[in-house]
Amino acid sequence: MDLYSIFLFAPPPGDGGGVSSIAPTLIMFGAIGLIFYFMIIRPQSKRMKAHRQLVANVKRGDRVTMNGGLHGTVHEVKETTVLVEIARNTIAEFEKGSIQSVKQGSDS
């Protein structure tokens, strides 16, 4: 065996001129595609769905943690943003997508 047949998974040149099948190559690429789907794409879409549901259920009084590590209490929920009280009488507006986690709180 030479390097050509080892790295390219092909028969060595001058092997009798037979016609090789493309089926094993297609099966290999299909298997790689399935592995890619089940290991990367599917778990990521599950995480995105869970995050969308988390953000959709945010309500006034919930304790939230933002992506930057900022903690606060939801003061008001708008269409695409939330007003978060980060300190007494200090309210900041954040995009809903920047919410990392929610701890359900009592309605104030």
Protein backbone atom coordinates (compact mmCIF):
# COMPACT_ATOMS: atom_id res chain seq x y z
CA MET A 1 0.00 0.00 0.00
CA ASP A 2 1.19 3.46 -0.78
CA LEU A 3 0.24 6.83 0.69
CA TYR A 4 -2.26 7.45 -2.13
CA SER A 5 -4.45 4.54 -1.08
CA ILE A 6 -4.10 5.20 2.64
CA PHE A 7 -5.13 8.87 2.64
CA LEU A 8 -7.63 8.92 -0.20
CA PHE A 9 -9.31 5.57 0.56
CA ALA A 10 -8.86 4.60 -3.07
CA PRO A 11 -7.38 1.53 -4.66
CA PRO A 12 -3.79 1.97 -5.81
CA PRO A 13 -3.39 3.08 -9.43
CA GLY A 14 -3.11 0.29 -12.00
CA ASP A 15 -5.29 -2.14 -10.04
CA GLY A 16 -6.96 -3.68 -13.08
CA GLY A 17 -9.26 -0.86 -14.19
CA GLY A 18 -12.36 -2.02 -12.26
CA VAL A 19 -15.23 0.38 -11.64
CA SER A 20 -15.49 1.35 -7.96
CA SER A 21 -18.80 2.13 -6.27
CA ILE A 22 -19.63 5.51 -4.78
CA ALA A 23 -22.05 3.96 -2.27
CA PRO A 24 -19.54 3.54 0.61
CA THR A 25 -18.55 7.20 0.29
CA LEU A 26 -22.19 8.33 0.35
CA ILE A 27 -22.90 6.14 3.36
CA MET A 28 -19.90 7.61 5.18
CA PHE A 29 -21.00 11.20 4.47
CA GLY A 30 -24.56 10.34 5.53
CA ALA A 31 -23.29 8.89 8.81
CA ILE A 32 -21.18 11.98 9.44
CA GLY A 33 -24.22 14.17 8.73
CA LEU A 34 -26.35 12.22 11.23
CA ILE A 35 -23.66 12.42 13.88
CA PHE A 36 -23.34 16.17 13.27
CA TYR A 37 -27.12 16.61 13.58
CA PHE A 38 -27.53 14.61 16.80
CA MET A 39 -24.38 15.95 18.49
CA ILE A 40 -24.56 19.65 17.57
CA ILE A 41 -27.70 20.89 15.83
CA ARG A 42 -30.41 19.13 17.86
CA PRO A 43 -29.07 20.01 21.35
CA GLN A 44 -28.53 23.64 20.30
CA SER A 45 -32.09 23.96 19.02
CA LYS A 46 -33.39 22.49 22.31
CA ARG A 47 -31.40 25.07 24.29
CA MET A 48 -32.71 27.88 22.10
CA LYS A 49 -36.30 26.70 22.53
CA ALA A 50 -35.89 26.51 26.32
CA HIS A 51 -34.38 30.04 26.41
CA ARG A 52 -37.23 31.46 24.31
CA GLN A 53 -39.74 29.90 26.71
CA LEU A 54 -37.82 31.24 29.72
CA VAL A 55 -37.84 34.77 28.29
CA ALA A 56 -41.51 34.57 27.29
CA ASN A 57 -42.52 33.68 30.88
CA VAL A 58 -40.68 36.58 32.58
CA LYS A 59 -43.01 38.72 34.69
CA ARG A 60 -42.83 41.60 37.13
CA GLY A 61 -41.10 40.70 40.40
CA ASP A 62 -38.92 37.90 38.99
CA ARG A 63 -35.25 37.89 39.94
CA VAL A 64 -33.14 37.75 36.78
CA THR A 65 -29.48 37.35 35.91
CA MET A 66 -28.33 39.04 32.74
CA ASN A 67 -25.62 37.73 30.37
CA GLY A 68 -23.07 40.13 31.84
CA GLY A 69 -23.66 38.81 35.36
CA LEU A 70 -25.89 41.66 36.46
CA HIS A 71 -28.61 40.65 38.95
CA GLY A 72 -31.87 42.49 39.44
CA THR A 73 -35.63 42.39 39.78
CA VAL A 74 -37.96 42.81 36.81
CA HIS A 75 -39.80 46.10 37.18
CA GLU A 76 -41.72 46.08 33.89
CA VAL A 77 -41.96 43.81 30.84
CA LYS A 78 -42.27 45.42 27.40
CA GLU A 79 -42.53 43.95 23.88
CA THR A 80 -38.81 43.31 23.30
CA THR A 81 -37.22 44.74 26.45
CA VAL A 82 -37.49 44.51 30.21
CA LEU A 83 -36.94 47.18 32.84
CA VAL A 84 -34.80 45.72 35.62
CA GLU A 85 -34.25 47.31 39.01
CA ILE A 86 -30.57 46.73 39.67
CA ALA A 87 -30.37 48.83 42.85
CA ARG A 88 -32.84 50.78 44.94
CA ASN A 89 -34.43 53.39 42.63
CA THR A 90 -32.08 52.43 39.78
CA ILE A 91 -33.88 50.93 36.78
CA ALA A 92 -32.15 49.90 33.56
CA GLU A 93 -33.63 48.67 30.29
CA PHE A 94 -32.31 45.45 28.72
CA GLU A 95 -33.19 43.36 25.71
CA LYS A 96 -35.14 40.25 26.65
CA GLY A 97 -32.56 38.09 24.89
CA SER A 98 -29.88 39.14 27.37
CA ILE A 99 -31.67 37.36 30.23
CA GLN A 100 -29.60 34.36 31.25
CA SER A 101 -31.65 32.92 34.09
CA VAL A 102 -34.84 33.64 36.00
CA LYS A 103 -35.73 32.90 39.60
CA GLN A 104 -39.47 33.25 40.12
CA GLY A 105 -40.31 35.91 42.63
CA SER A 106 -43.43 37.23 44.29
CA ASP A 107 -45.33 39.94 42.45
CA SER A 108 -44.50 43.35 43.96
